[in-house]
Amino acid sequence: MNTPEAVERVSKEKLMEDLKVVVTDAEELLKATASQTGERIAAARTKAEESLRVARVRLADAQAALVEKTKIAAKATDEYVHENPWKAVGIAAVAGLLLGALISRR
């Protein structure tokens, strides 16, 4: 299902992937311009390196938070399934039927 929580989780995962790509590209750019000299370029490189350092820290923090939330959700789901096995089977069966109906329409 596309619950708001699931959409938010997917959006955060996509954002983290995109940020990783940006950080990698910026690092490659810094390496490519390493031979360039000049006061302005040196200042820009220093600022870019600091921004990358901060971005890496924030990205790691966001990823750790997402992993923690995922673990909590998985634990809650596991507890629910153990406490309500027949409800869980019924929900899974209905979801399977709906998914099967949607797939068979194509």
PDB file of N, CA and C in Angstrom:
ATOM      1  N   MET A   1       0.827  -1.180   0.000  1.00  0.00           N
ATOM      2  CA  MET A   1       0.000   0.000   0.000  1.00  0.00           C
ATOM      3  C   MET A   1       0.877   1.252   0.000  1.00  0.00           C
ATOM      4  N   ASN A   2       0.356   2.336  -0.485  1.00  0.00           N
ATOM      5  CA  ASN A   2       1.075   3.608  -0.506  1.00  0.00           C
ATOM      6  C   ASN A   2       0.607   4.487   0.644  1.00  0.00           C
ATOM      7  N   THR A   3       0.971   4.088   1.843  1.00  0.00           N
ATOM      8  CA  THR A   3       0.634   4.909   2.995  1.00  0.00           C
ATOM      9  C   THR A   3       1.543   6.126   3.004  1.00  0.00           C
ATOM     10  N   PRO A   4       1.143   7.174   3.685  1.00  0.00           N
ATOM     11  CA  PRO A   4       2.007   8.360   3.753  1.00  0.00           C
ATOM     12  C   PRO A   4       3.391   8.030   4.314  1.00  0.00           C
ATOM     13  N   GLU A   5       3.442   7.107   5.279  1.00  0.00           N
ATOM     14  CA  GLU A   5       4.725   6.725   5.858  1.00  0.00           C
ATOM     15  C   GLU A   5       5.605   6.023   4.819  1.00  0.00           C
ATOM     16  N   ALA A   6       4.989   5.154   4.021  1.00  0.00           N
ATOM     17  CA  ALA A   6       5.752   4.427   2.997  1.00  0.00           C
ATOM     18  C   ALA A   6       6.257   5.388   1.930  1.00  0.00           C
ATOM     19  N   VAL A   7       5.425   6.328   1.531  1.00  0.00           N
ATOM     20  CA  VAL A   7       5.825   7.314   0.527  1.00  0.00           C
ATOM     21  C   VAL A   7       6.962   8.171   1.070  1.00  0.00           C
ATOM     22  N   GLU A   8       6.845   8.581   2.343  1.00  0.00           N
ATOM     23  CA  GLU A   8       7.901   9.389   2.959  1.00  0.00           C
ATOM     24  C   GLU A   8       9.208   8.608   3.027  1.00  0.00           C
ATOM     25  N   ARG A   9       9.132   7.318   3.381  1.00  0.00           N
ATOM     26  CA  ARG A   9      10.331   6.481   3.476  1.00  0.00           C
ATOM     27  C   ARG A   9      11.001   6.351   2.109  1.00  0.00           C
ATOM     28  N   VAL A  10      10.194   6.089   1.079  1.00  0.00           N
ATOM     29  CA  VAL A  10      10.740   5.962  -0.271  1.00  0.00           C
ATOM     30  C   VAL A  10      11.357   7.286  -0.719  1.00  0.00           C
ATOM     31  N   SER A  11      10.688   8.401  -0.406  1.00  0.00           N
ATOM     32  CA  SER A  11      11.213   9.713  -0.773  1.00  0.00           C
ATOM     33  C   SER A  11      12.529   9.981  -0.078  1.00  0.00           C
ATOM     34  N   LYS A  12      12.627   9.621   1.197  1.00  0.00           N
ATOM     35  CA  LYS A  12      13.879   9.819   1.929  1.00  0.00           C
ATOM     36  C   LYS A  12      14.987   8.943   1.358  1.00  0.00           C
ATOM     37  N   GLU A  13      14.640   7.692   1.014  1.00  0.00           N
ATOM     38  CA  GLU A  13      15.644   6.804   0.427  1.00  0.00           C
ATOM     39  C   GLU A  13      16.143   7.359  -0.901  1.00  0.00           C
ATOM     40  N   LYS A  14      15.232   7.852  -1.722  1.00  0.00           N
ATOM     41  CA  LYS A  14      15.610   8.430  -3.012  1.00  0.00           C
ATOM     42  C   LYS A  14      16.471   9.669  -2.802  1.00  0.00           C
ATOM     43  N   LEU A  15      16.106  10.501  -1.836  1.00  0.00           N
ATOM     44  CA  LEU A  15      16.887  11.695  -1.539  1.00  0.00           C
ATOM     45  C   LEU A  15      18.293  11.319  -1.100  1.00  0.00           C
ATOM     46  N   MET A  16      18.422  10.291  -0.256  1.00  0.00           N
ATOM     47  CA  MET A  16      19.754   9.870   0.189  1.00  0.00           C
ATOM     48  C   MET A  16      20.580   9.346  -0.984  1.00  0.00           C
ATOM     49  N   GLU A  17      19.953   8.590  -1.873  1.00  0.00           N
ATOM     50  CA  GLU A  17      20.667   8.094  -3.053  1.00  0.00           C
ATOM     51  C   GLU A  17      21.134   9.262  -3.920  1.00  0.00           C
ATOM     52  N   ASP A  18      20.250  10.232  -4.124  1.00  0.00           N
ATOM     53  CA  ASP A  18      20.604  11.402  -4.932  1.00  0.00           C
ATOM     54  C   ASP A  18      21.736  12.196  -4.290  1.00  0.00           C
ATOM     55  N   LEU A  19      21.691  12.354  -2.974  1.00  0.00           N
ATOM     56  CA  LEU A  19      22.751  13.083  -2.273  1.00  0.00           C
ATOM     57  C   LEU A  19      24.087  12.357  -2.387  1.00  0.00           C
ATOM     58  N   LYS A  20      24.059  11.028  -2.321  1.00  0.00           N
ATOM     59  CA  LYS A  20      25.289  10.261  -2.473  1.00  0.00           C
ATOM     60  C   LYS A  20      25.900  10.502  -3.854  1.00  0.00           C
ATOM     61  N   VAL A  21      25.058  10.555  -4.873  1.00  0.00           N
ATOM     62  CA  VAL A  21      25.536  10.805  -6.231  1.00  0.00           C
ATOM     63  C   VAL A  21      26.142  12.207  -6.326  1.00  0.00           C
ATOM     64  N   VAL A  22      25.476  13.198  -5.732  1.00  0.00           N
ATOM     65  CA  VAL A  22      25.977  14.573  -5.759  1.00  0.00           C
ATOM     66  C   VAL A  22      27.323  14.657  -5.044  1.00  0.00           C
ATOM     67  N   VAL A  23      27.437  14.016  -3.898  1.00  0.00           N
ATOM     68  CA  VAL A  23      28.697  14.036  -3.145  1.00  0.00           C
ATOM     69  C   VAL A  23      29.808  13.392  -3.971  1.00  0.00           C
ATOM     70  N   THR A  24      29.518  12.269  -4.586  1.00  0.00           N
ATOM     71  CA  THR A  24      30.515  11.591  -5.418  1.00  0.00           C
ATOM     72  C   THR A  24      30.936  12.468  -6.588  1.00  0.00           C
ATOM     73  N   ASP A  25      29.969  13.095  -7.249  1.00  0.00           N
ATOM     74  CA  ASP A  25      30.289  13.977  -8.379  1.00  0.00           C
ATOM     75  C   ASP A  25      31.120  15.172  -7.931  1.00  0.00           C
ATOM     76  N   ALA A  26      30.783  15.737  -6.783  1.00  0.00           N
ATOM     77  CA  ALA A  26      31.538  16.886  -6.274  1.00  0.00           C
ATOM     78  C   ALA A  26      32.968  16.484  -5.927  1.00  0.00           C
ATOM     79  N   GLU A  27      33.133  15.299  -5.349  1.00  0.00           N
ATOM     80  CA  GLU A  27      34.481  14.821  -5.049  1.00  0.00           C
ATOM     81  C   GLU A  27      35.296  14.647  -6.330  1.00  0.00           C
ATOM     82  N   GLU A  28      34.680  14.102  -7.360  1.00  0.00           N
ATOM     83  CA  GLU A  28      35.363  13.933  -8.642  1.00  0.00           C
ATOM     84  C   GLU A  28      35.744  15.292  -9.232  1.00  0.00           C
ATOM     85  N   LEU A  29      34.858  16.260  -9.114  1.00  0.00           N
ATOM     86  CA  LEU A  29      35.146  17.608  -9.611  1.00  0.00           C
ATOM     87  C   LEU A  29      36.321  18.213  -8.861  1.00  0.00           C
ATOM     88  N   LEU A  30      36.349  18.045  -7.546  1.00  0.00           N
ATOM     89  CA  LEU A  30      37.467  18.570  -6.758  1.00  0.00           C
ATOM     90  C   LEU A  30      38.779  17.906  -7.172  1.00  0.00           C
ATOM     91  N   LYS A  31      38.755  16.619  -7.414  1.00  0.00           N
ATOM     92  CA  LYS A  31      39.965  15.919  -7.856  1.00  0.00           C
ATOM     93  C   LYS A  31      40.408  16.415  -9.232  1.00  0.00           C
ATOM     94  N   ALA A  32      39.441  16.637 -10.117  1.00  0.00           N
ATOM     95  CA  ALA A  32      39.762  17.069 -11.479  1.00  0.00           C
ATOM     96  C   ALA A  32      40.355  18.473 -11.501  1.00  0.00           C
ATOM     97  N   THR A  33      39.980  19.311 -10.540  1.00  0.00           N
ATOM     98  CA  THR A  33      40.481  20.689 -10.516  1.00  0.00           C
ATOM     99  C   THR A  33      41.640  20.863  -9.540  1.00  0.00           C
ATOM    100  N   ALA A  34      42.193  19.767  -9.057  1.00  0.00           N
ATOM    101  CA  ALA A  34      43.259  19.840  -8.058  1.00  0.00           C
ATOM    102  C   ALA A  34      44.485  20.576  -8.577  1.00  0.00           C
ATOM    103  N   SER A  35      44.743  20.499  -9.873  1.00  0.00           N
ATOM    104  CA  SER A  35      45.943  21.141 -10.423  1.00  0.00           C
ATOM    105  C   SER A  35      45.743  22.629 -10.688  1.00  0.00           C
ATOM    106  N   GLN A  36      44.519  23.108 -10.584  1.00  0.00           N
ATOM    107  CA  GLN A  36      44.241  24.522 -10.807  1.00  0.00           C
ATOM    108  C   GLN A  36      44.788  25.334  -9.635  1.00  0.00           C
ATOM    109  N   THR A  37      45.329  26.494  -9.951  1.00  0.00           N
ATOM    110  CA  THR A  37      45.892  27.331  -8.896  1.00  0.00           C
ATOM    111  C   THR A  37      45.170  28.667  -8.852  1.00  0.00           C
ATOM    112  N   GLY A  38      45.440  29.410  -7.824  1.00  0.00           N
ATOM    113  CA  GLY A  38      44.843  30.723  -7.679  1.00  0.00           C
ATOM    114  C   GLY A  38      44.127  30.825  -6.352  1.00  0.00           C
ATOM    115  N   GLU A  39      44.066  32.039  -5.845  1.00  0.00           N
ATOM    116  CA  GLU A  39      43.463  32.272  -4.535  1.00  0.00           C
ATOM    117  C   GLU A  39      41.967  31.979  -4.539  1.00  0.00           C
ATOM    118  N   ARG A  40      41.271  32.417  -5.583  1.00  0.00           N
ATOM    119  CA  ARG A  40      39.824  32.203  -5.642  1.00  0.00           C
ATOM    120  C   ARG A  40      39.485  30.718  -5.769  1.00  0.00           C
ATOM    121  N   ILE A  41      40.255  29.990  -6.572  1.00  0.00           N
ATOM    122  CA  ILE A  41      40.003  28.550  -6.734  1.00  0.00           C
ATOM    123  C   ILE A  41      40.301  27.824  -5.428  1.00  0.00           C
ATOM    124  N   ALA A  42      41.371  28.210  -4.752  1.00  0.00           N
ATOM    125  CA  ALA A  42      41.705  27.581  -3.473  1.00  0.00           C
ATOM    126  C   ALA A  42      40.602  27.819  -2.457  1.00  0.00           C
ATOM    127  N   ALA A  43      40.066  29.021  -2.422  1.00  0.00           N
ATOM    128  CA  ALA A  43      38.976  29.331  -1.488  1.00  0.00           C
ATOM    129  C   ALA A  43      37.721  28.539  -1.841  1.00  0.00           C
ATOM    130  N   ALA A  44      37.431  28.442  -3.124  1.00  0.00           N
ATOM    131  CA  ALA A  44      36.251  27.682  -3.564  1.00  0.00           C
ATOM    132  C   ALA A  44      36.405  26.208  -3.229  1.00  0.00           C
ATOM    133  N   ARG A  45      37.613  25.666  -3.438  1.00  0.00           N
ATOM    134  CA  ARG A  45      37.870  24.257  -3.112  1.00  0.00           C
ATOM    135  C   ARG A  45      37.702  24.012  -1.608  1.00  0.00           C
ATOM    136  N   THR A  46      38.215  24.916  -0.801  1.00  0.00           N
ATOM    137  CA  THR A  46      38.103  24.774   0.649  1.00  0.00           C
ATOM    138  C   THR A  46      36.639  24.787   1.074  1.00  0.00           C
ATOM    139  N   LYS A  47      35.890  25.730   0.516  1.00  0.00           N
ATOM    140  CA  LYS A  47      34.464  25.828   0.847  1.00  0.00           C
ATOM    141  C   LYS A  47      33.723  24.575   0.390  1.00  0.00           C
ATOM    142  N   ALA A  48      34.030  24.083  -0.804  1.00  0.00           N
ATOM    143  CA  ALA A  48      33.376  22.883  -1.336  1.00  0.00           C
ATOM    144  C   ALA A  48      33.727  21.657  -0.489  1.00  0.00           C
ATOM    145  N   GLU A  49      34.977  21.544  -0.070  1.00  0.00           N
ATOM    146  CA  GLU A  49      35.377  20.415   0.757  1.00  0.00           C
ATOM    147  C   GLU A  49      34.653  20.433   2.100  1.00  0.00           C
ATOM    148  N   GLU A  50      34.499  21.605   2.681  1.00  0.00           N
ATOM    149  CA  GLU A  50      33.782  21.730   3.948  1.00  0.00           C
ATOM    150  C   GLU A  50      32.299  21.373   3.763  1.00  0.00           C
ATOM    151  N   SER A  51      31.712  21.846   2.676  1.00  0.00           N
ATOM    152  CA  SER A  51      30.309  21.524   2.392  1.00  0.00           C
ATOM    153  C   SER A  51      30.125  20.018   2.199  1.00  0.00           C
ATOM    154  N   LEU A  52      31.061  19.389   1.521  1.00  0.00           N
ATOM    155  CA  LEU A  52      30.990  17.935   1.329  1.00  0.00           C
ATOM    156  C   LEU A  52      31.109  17.201   2.660  1.00  0.00           C
ATOM    157  N   ARG A  53      31.997  17.682   3.516  1.00  0.00           N
ATOM    158  CA  ARG A  53      32.168  17.049   4.823  1.00  0.00           C
ATOM    159  C   ARG A  53      30.856  17.116   5.618  1.00  0.00           C
ATOM    160  N   VAL A  54      30.236  18.288   5.624  1.00  0.00           N
ATOM    161  CA  VAL A  54      28.962  18.473   6.334  1.00  0.00           C
ATOM    162  C   VAL A  54      27.873  17.601   5.696  1.00  0.00           C
ATOM    163  N   ALA A  55      27.837  17.554   4.374  1.00  0.00           N
ATOM    164  CA  ALA A  55      26.826  16.746   3.680  1.00  0.00           C
ATOM    165  C   ALA A  55      26.992  15.268   4.014  1.00  0.00           C
ATOM    166  N   ARG A  56      28.234  14.791   4.069  1.00  0.00           N
ATOM    167  CA  ARG A  56      28.474  13.389   4.408  1.00  0.00           C
ATOM    168  C   ARG A  56      27.973  13.075   5.818  1.00  0.00           C
ATOM    169  N   VAL A  57      28.238  13.967   6.757  1.00  0.00           N
ATOM    170  CA  VAL A  57      27.793  13.756   8.144  1.00  0.00           C
ATOM    171  C   VAL A  57      26.265  13.727   8.204  1.00  0.00           C
ATOM    172  N   ARG A  58      25.620  14.684   7.574  1.00  0.00           N
ATOM    173  CA  ARG A  58      24.152  14.738   7.591  1.00  0.00           C
ATOM    174  C   ARG A  58      23.553  13.522   6.897  1.00  0.00           C
ATOM    175  N   LEU A  59      24.162  13.100   5.809  1.00  0.00           N
ATOM    176  CA  LEU A  59      23.688  11.934   5.079  1.00  0.00           C
ATOM    177  C   LEU A  59      23.807  10.685   5.945  1.00  0.00           C
ATOM    178  N   ALA A  60      24.916  10.547   6.640  1.00  0.00           N
ATOM    179  CA  ALA A  60      25.104   9.397   7.528  1.00  0.00           C
ATOM    180  C   ALA A  60      24.071   9.423   8.653  1.00  0.00           C
ATOM    181  N   ASP A  61      23.818  10.601   9.214  1.00  0.00           N
ATOM    182  CA  ASP A  61      22.817  10.729  10.279  1.00  0.00           C
ATOM    183  C   ASP A  61      21.425  10.370   9.767  1.00  0.00           C
ATOM    184  N   ALA A  62      21.075  10.862   8.581  1.00  0.00           N
ATOM    185  CA  ALA A  62      19.756  10.580   8.008  1.00  0.00           C
ATOM    186  C   ALA A  62      19.612   9.091   7.715  1.00  0.00           C
ATOM    187  N   GLN A  63      20.671   8.489   7.232  1.00  0.00           N
ATOM    188  CA  GLN A  63      20.620   7.069   6.928  1.00  0.00           C
ATOM    189  C   GLN A  63      20.467   6.249   8.211  1.00  0.00           C
ATOM    190  N   ALA A  64      21.180   6.632   9.256  1.00  0.00           N
ATOM    191  CA  ALA A  64      21.072   5.924  10.534  1.00  0.00           C
ATOM    192  C   ALA A  64      19.654   6.054  11.101  1.00  0.00           C
ATOM    193  N   ALA A  65      19.079   7.241  10.996  1.00  0.00           N
ATOM    194  CA  ALA A  65      17.713   7.452  11.488  1.00  0.00           C
ATOM    195  C   ALA A  65      16.722   6.611  10.694  1.00  0.00           C
ATOM    196  N   LEU A  66      16.900   6.540   9.392  1.00  0.00           N
ATOM    197  CA  LEU A  66      16.002   5.749   8.556  1.00  0.00           C
ATOM    198  C   LEU A  66      16.116   4.267   8.893  1.00  0.00           C
ATOM    199  N   VAL A  67      17.328   3.793   9.109  1.00  0.00           N
ATOM    200  CA  VAL A  67      17.525   2.390   9.481  1.00  0.00           C
ATOM    201  C   VAL A  67      16.839   2.105  10.814  1.00  0.00           C
ATOM    202  N   GLU A  68      16.990   3.015  11.769  1.00  0.00           N
ATOM    203  CA  GLU A  68      16.361   2.835  13.081  1.00  0.00           C
ATOM    204  C   GLU A  68      14.836   2.798  12.961  1.00  0.00           C
ATOM    205  N   LYS A  69      14.257   3.703  12.185  1.00  0.00           N
ATOM    206  CA  LYS A  69      12.799   3.715  11.999  1.00  0.00           C
ATOM    207  C   LYS A  69      12.332   2.437  11.311  1.00  0.00           C
ATOM    208  N   THR A  70      13.100   1.949  10.363  1.00  0.00           N
ATOM    209  CA  THR A  70      12.754   0.720   9.656  1.00  0.00           C
ATOM    210  C   THR A  70      12.768  -0.465  10.610  1.00  0.00           C
ATOM    211  N   LYS A  71      13.775  -0.511  11.493  1.00  0.00           N
ATOM    212  CA  LYS A  71      13.837  -1.589  12.479  1.00  0.00           C
ATOM    213  C   LYS A  71      12.635  -1.548  13.412  1.00  0.00           C
ATOM    214  N   ILE A  72      12.246  -0.353  13.843  1.00  0.00           N
ATOM    215  CA  ILE A  72      11.097  -0.201  14.735  1.00  0.00           C
ATOM    216  C   ILE A  72       9.821  -0.663  14.030  1.00  0.00           C
ATOM    217  N   ALA A  73       9.649  -0.268  12.776  1.00  0.00           N
ATOM    218  CA  ALA A  73       8.463  -0.669  12.012  1.00  0.00           C
ATOM    219  C   ALA A  73       8.438  -2.189  11.808  1.00  0.00           C
ATOM    220  N   ALA A  74       9.593  -2.771  11.515  1.00  0.00           N
ATOM    221  CA  ALA A  74       9.658  -4.216  11.311  1.00  0.00           C
ATOM    222  C   ALA A  74       9.328  -4.958  12.606  1.00  0.00           C
ATOM    223  N   LYS A  75       9.816  -4.445  13.726  1.00  0.00           N
ATOM    224  CA  LYS A  75       9.520  -5.077  15.020  1.00  0.00           C
ATOM    225  C   LYS A  75       8.030  -4.983  15.332  1.00  0.00           C
ATOM    226  N   ALA A  76       7.436  -3.809  15.087  1.00  0.00           N
ATOM    227  CA  ALA A  76       6.003  -3.633  15.345  1.00  0.00           C
ATOM    228  C   ALA A  76       5.179  -4.571  14.458  1.00  0.00           C
ATOM    229  N   THR A  77       5.576  -4.700  13.211  1.00  0.00           N
ATOM    230  CA  THR A  77       4.876  -5.596  12.284  1.00  0.00           C
ATOM    231  C   THR A  77       4.994  -7.039  12.757  1.00  0.00           C
ATOM    232  N   ASP A  78       6.194  -7.427  13.160  1.00  0.00           N
ATOM    233  CA  ASP A  78       6.413  -8.789  13.645  1.00  0.00           C
ATOM    234  C   ASP A  78       5.560  -9.079  14.871  1.00  0.00           C
ATOM    235  N   GLU A  79       5.503  -8.129  15.803  1.00  0.00           N
ATOM    236  CA  GLU A  79       4.688  -8.315  17.001  1.00  0.00           C
ATOM    237  C   GLU A  79       3.203  -8.430  16.642  1.00  0.00           C
ATOM    238  N   TYR A  80       2.740  -7.591  15.715  1.00  0.00           N
ATOM    239  CA  TYR A  80       1.337  -7.636  15.303  1.00  0.00           C
ATOM    240  C   TYR A  80       1.000  -8.990  14.684  1.00  0.00           C
ATOM    241  N   VAL A  81       1.889  -9.467  13.818  1.00  0.00           N
ATOM    242  CA  VAL A  81       1.638 -10.749  13.143  1.00  0.00           C
ATOM    243  C   VAL A  81       1.603 -11.884  14.161  1.00  0.00           C
ATOM    244  N   HIS A  82       2.489 -11.829  15.151  1.00  0.00           N
ATOM    245  CA  HIS A  82       2.488 -12.883  16.163  1.00  0.00           C
ATOM    246  C   HIS A  82       1.260 -12.807  17.067  1.00  0.00           C
ATOM    247  N   GLU A  83       0.782 -11.611  17.332  1.00  0.00           N
ATOM    248  CA  GLU A  83      -0.396 -11.446  18.181  1.00  0.00           C
ATOM    249  C   GLU A  83      -1.701 -11.705  17.415  1.00  0.00           C
ATOM    250  N   ASN A  84      -1.703 -11.467  16.118  1.00  0.00           N
ATOM    251  CA  ASN A  84      -2.910 -11.608  15.285  1.00  0.00           C
ATOM    252  C   ASN A  84      -2.595 -12.390  14.012  1.00  0.00           C
ATOM    253  N   PRO A  85      -2.240 -13.667  14.132  1.00  0.00           N
ATOM    254  CA  PRO A  85      -1.812 -14.397  12.932  1.00  0.00           C
ATOM    255  C   PRO A  85      -2.897 -14.524  11.871  1.00  0.00           C
ATOM    256  N   TRP A  86      -4.143 -14.750  12.271  1.00  0.00           N
ATOM    257  CA  TRP A  86      -5.197 -14.938  11.277  1.00  0.00           C
ATOM    258  C   TRP A  86      -5.562 -13.633  10.580  1.00  0.00           C
ATOM    259  N   LYS A  87      -5.513 -12.545  11.308  1.00  0.00           N
ATOM    260  CA  LYS A  87      -5.741 -11.240  10.674  1.00  0.00           C
ATOM    261  C   LYS A  87      -4.645 -10.970   9.649  1.00  0.00           C
ATOM    262  N   ALA A  88      -3.425 -11.289  10.028  1.00  0.00           N
ATOM    263  CA  ALA A  88      -2.299 -11.060   9.116  1.00  0.00           C
ATOM    264  C   ALA A  88      -2.436 -11.917   7.856  1.00  0.00           C
ATOM    265  N   VAL A  89      -2.841 -13.159   8.031  1.00  0.00           N
ATOM    266  CA  VAL A  89      -3.055 -14.039   6.870  1.00  0.00           C
ATOM    267  C   VAL A  89      -4.170 -13.481   5.997  1.00  0.00           C
ATOM    268  N   GLY A  90      -5.245 -13.021   6.618  1.00  0.00           N
ATOM    269  CA  GLY A  90      -6.359 -12.446   5.853  1.00  0.00           C
ATOM    270  C   GLY A  90      -5.945 -11.203   5.088  1.00  0.00           C
ATOM    271  N   ILE A  91      -5.197 -10.328   5.743  1.00  0.00           N
ATOM    272  CA  ILE A  91      -4.726  -9.107   5.074  1.00  0.00           C
ATOM    273  C   ILE A  91      -3.819  -9.463   3.902  1.00  0.00           C
ATOM    274  N   ALA A  92      -2.911 -10.418   4.119  1.00  0.00           N
ATOM    275  CA  ALA A  92      -2.007 -10.836   3.046  1.00  0.00           C
ATOM    276  C   ALA A  92      -2.778 -11.456   1.885  1.00  0.00           C
ATOM    277  N   ALA A  93      -3.809 -12.249   2.197  1.00  0.00           N
ATOM    278  CA  ALA A  93      -4.608 -12.885   1.137  1.00  0.00           C
ATOM    279  C   ALA A  93      -5.355 -11.836   0.315  1.00  0.00           C
ATOM    280  N   VAL A  94      -5.955 -10.872   0.997  1.00  0.00           N
ATOM    281  CA  VAL A  94      -6.679  -9.812   0.287  1.00  0.00           C
ATOM    282  C   VAL A  94      -5.721  -8.995  -0.570  1.00  0.00           C
ATOM    283  N   ALA A  95      -4.558  -8.652  -0.007  1.00  0.00           N
ATOM    284  CA  ALA A  95      -3.564  -7.895  -0.778  1.00  0.00           C
ATOM    285  C   ALA A  95      -3.106  -8.689  -1.996  1.00  0.00           C
ATOM    286  N   GLY A  96      -2.914 -10.003  -1.815  1.00  0.00           N
ATOM    287  CA  GLY A  96      -2.521 -10.859  -2.934  1.00  0.00           C
ATOM    288  C   GLY A  96      -3.590 -10.923  -4.012  1.00  0.00           C
ATOM    289  N   LEU A  97      -4.843 -11.033  -3.604  1.00  0.00           N
ATOM    290  CA  LEU A  97      -5.942 -11.063  -4.573  1.00  0.00           C
ATOM    291  C   LEU A  97      -6.028  -9.749  -5.350  1.00  0.00           C
ATOM    292  N   LEU A  98      -5.919  -8.639  -4.631  1.00  0.00           N
ATOM    293  CA  LEU A  98      -5.968  -7.335  -5.306  1.00  0.00           C
ATOM    294  C   LEU A  98      -4.798  -7.172  -6.272  1.00  0.00           C
ATOM    295  N   LEU A  99      -3.634  -7.550  -5.831  1.00  0.00           N
ATOM    296  CA  LEU A  99      -2.454  -7.451  -6.701  1.00  0.00           C
ATOM    297  C   LEU A  99      -2.611  -8.351  -7.919  1.00  0.00           C
ATOM    298  N   GLY A 100      -3.106  -9.579  -7.691  1.00  0.00           N
ATOM    299  CA  GLY A 100      -3.335 -10.506  -8.797  1.00  0.00           C
ATOM    300  C   GLY A 100      -4.355  -9.961  -9.785  1.00  0.00           C
ATOM    301  N   ALA A 101      -5.401  -9.344  -9.264  1.00  0.00           N
ATOM    302  CA  ALA A 101      -6.436  -8.761 -10.153  1.00  0.00           C
ATOM    303  C   ALA A 101      -5.863  -7.623 -10.966  1.00  0.00           C
ATOM    304  N   LEU A 102      -5.048  -6.784 -10.339  1.00  0.00           N
ATOM    305  CA  LEU A 102      -4.439  -5.661 -11.071  1.00  0.00           C
ATOM    306  C   LEU A 102      -3.479  -6.156 -12.146  1.00  0.00           C
ATOM    307  N   ILE A 103      -2.711  -7.168 -11.825  1.00  0.00           N
ATOM    308  CA  ILE A 103      -1.735  -7.706 -12.792  1.00  0.00           C
ATOM    309  C   ILE A 103      -2.452  -8.379 -13.950  1.00  0.00           C
ATOM    310  N   SER A 104      -3.533  -9.126 -13.650  1.00  0.00           N
ATOM    311  CA  SER A 104      -4.219  -9.858 -14.708  1.00  0.00           C
ATOM    312  C   SER A 104      -4.967  -8.949 -15.687  1.00  0.00           C
ATOM    313  N   ARG A 105      -5.243  -7.714 -15.284  1.00  0.00           N
ATOM    314  CA  ARG A 105      -5.923  -6.763 -16.181  1.00  0.00           C
ATOM    315  C   ARG A 105      -5.042  -6.380 -17.358  1.00  0.00           C
ATOM    316  N   ARG A 106      -3.776  -6.403 -17.174  1.00  0.00           N
ATOM    317  CA  ARG A 106      -2.844  -6.006 -18.237  1.00  0.00           C
ATOM    318  C   ARG A 106      -2.745  -7.107 -19.188  1.00  0.00           C
TER     319      ARG A 106
END
